[in-house]
């Protein structure tokens, strides 16, 4: 079973995605914001996959 960490600051989208992933048999670790200390959180929960909403208003992606 894959453990998935969701990073998203719009809870309505996360809820639907989380439900679909859970229904498909994945273990979802839900975080509803980008203000967390991501490296520390990853070290603590040790997810197999990290999904980040790149269209969130507060997301920044290096160019």
C-alpha atoms as a PDB file:
ATOM      1  CA  UNK A   1       0.000   0.000   0.000  1.00  0.00           C
ATOM      2  CA  UNK A   2       1.433   3.377  -1.006  1.00  0.00           C
ATOM      3  CA  UNK A   3       1.431   6.138   1.598  1.00  0.00           C
ATOM      4  CA  UNK A   4       0.592   9.490   0.024  1.00  0.00           C
ATOM      5  CA  UNK A   5       1.190  12.965   1.458  1.00  0.00           C
ATOM      6  CA  UNK A   6      -1.134  15.628   0.001  1.00  0.00           C
ATOM      7  CA  UNK A   7      -0.029  19.264   0.033  1.00  0.00           C
ATOM      8  CA  UNK A   8      -2.787  21.683  -0.909  1.00  0.00           C
ATOM      9  CA  UNK A   9      -4.206  24.907   0.504  1.00  0.00           C
ATOM     10  CA  UNK A  10      -7.702  24.474  -0.960  1.00  0.00           C
ATOM     11  CA  UNK A  11      -9.496  21.897   1.197  1.00  0.00           C
ATOM     12  CA  UNK A  12     -12.403  21.252  -1.185  1.00  0.00           C
ATOM     13  CA  UNK A  13     -10.102  19.766  -3.819  1.00  0.00           C
ATOM     14  CA  UNK A  14      -8.147  17.713  -1.286  1.00  0.00           C
ATOM     15  CA  UNK A  15     -11.316  16.136   0.078  1.00  0.00           C
ATOM     16  CA  UNK A  16     -12.377  14.713  -3.267  1.00  0.00           C
ATOM     17  CA  UNK A  17      -8.869  13.542  -4.157  1.00  0.00           C
ATOM     18  CA  UNK A  18      -8.339  12.047  -0.707  1.00  0.00           C
ATOM     19  CA  UNK A  19     -11.627  10.146  -0.932  1.00  0.00           C
ATOM     20  CA  UNK A  20     -10.771   8.748  -4.373  1.00  0.00           C
ATOM     21  CA  UNK A  21      -7.285   7.672  -3.293  1.00  0.00           C
ATOM     22  CA  UNK A  22      -8.574   6.104  -0.081  1.00  0.00           C
ATOM     23  CA  UNK A  23     -11.268   4.244  -2.002  1.00  0.00           C
ATOM     24  CA  UNK A  24      -8.570   2.915  -4.352  1.00  0.00           C
ATOM     25  CA  UNK A  25      -6.728   1.481  -1.346  1.00  0.00           C
ATOM     26  CA  UNK A  26      -4.022   4.069  -0.708  1.00  0.00           C
ATOM     27  CA  UNK A  27      -3.131   5.407   2.736  1.00  0.00           C
ATOM     28  CA  UNK A  28      -3.467   9.190   2.538  1.00  0.00           C
ATOM     29  CA  UNK A  29      -1.668  11.574   4.882  1.00  0.00           C
ATOM     30  CA  UNK A  30      -3.611  14.822   4.447  1.00  0.00           C
ATOM     31  CA  UNK A  31      -2.025  18.244   4.978  1.00  0.00           C
ATOM     32  CA  UNK A  32      -4.162  21.231   4.084  1.00  0.00           C
ATOM     33  CA  UNK A  33      -1.585  23.937   3.701  1.00  0.00           C
ATOM     34  CA  UNK A  34       1.828  24.884   2.489  1.00  0.00           C
ATOM     35  CA  UNK A  35       2.901  26.475   5.768  1.00  0.00           C
ATOM     36  CA  UNK A  36       4.175  23.185   7.183  1.00  0.00           C
ATOM     37  CA  UNK A  37       7.883  22.407   7.428  1.00  0.00           C
ATOM     38  CA  UNK A  38       7.812  20.006   4.472  1.00  0.00           C
ATOM     39  CA  UNK A  39      11.265  18.402   4.945  1.00  0.00           C
ATOM     40  CA  UNK A  40      10.529  17.722   8.626  1.00  0.00           C
ATOM     41  CA  UNK A  41       7.048  16.385   7.824  1.00  0.00           C
ATOM     42  CA  UNK A  42       8.444  14.043   5.157  1.00  0.00           C
ATOM     43  CA  UNK A  43      11.071  12.769   7.586  1.00  0.00           C
ATOM     44  CA  UNK A  44       8.384  12.168  10.229  1.00  0.00           C
ATOM     45  CA  UNK A  45       5.702  10.435   8.149  1.00  0.00           C
ATOM     46  CA  UNK A  46       7.961   8.867   5.474  1.00  0.00           C
ATOM     47  CA  UNK A  47       5.452   8.918   2.574  1.00  0.00           C
ATOM     48  CA  UNK A  48       6.032   6.935  -0.620  1.00  0.00           C
ATOM     49  CA  UNK A  49       4.505   9.695  -2.772  1.00  0.00           C
ATOM     50  CA  UNK A  50       4.042  13.456  -2.297  1.00  0.00           C
ATOM     51  CA  UNK A  51       1.331  15.227  -4.325  1.00  0.00           C
ATOM     52  CA  UNK A  52       1.538  19.029  -4.390  1.00  0.00           C
ATOM     53  CA  UNK A  53      -1.165  21.226  -5.889  1.00  0.00           C
ATOM     54  CA  UNK A  54       0.823  23.463  -8.243  1.00  0.00           C
ATOM     55  CA  UNK A  55      -2.193  25.656  -9.000  1.00  0.00           C
ATOM     56  CA  UNK A  56      -2.687  26.777  -5.405  1.00  0.00           C
ATOM     57  CA  UNK A  57      -2.546  30.564  -5.062  1.00  0.00           C
ATOM     58  CA  UNK A  58       0.324  30.351  -2.587  1.00  0.00           C
ATOM     59  CA  UNK A  59       2.395  27.784  -4.469  1.00  0.00           C
ATOM     60  CA  UNK A  60       5.674  28.852  -5.955  1.00  0.00           C
ATOM     61  CA  UNK A  61       7.574  26.793  -8.463  1.00  0.00           C
ATOM     62  CA  UNK A  62      11.120  27.747  -9.443  1.00  0.00           C
ATOM     63  CA  UNK A  63      11.533  28.587 -13.113  1.00  0.00           C
END
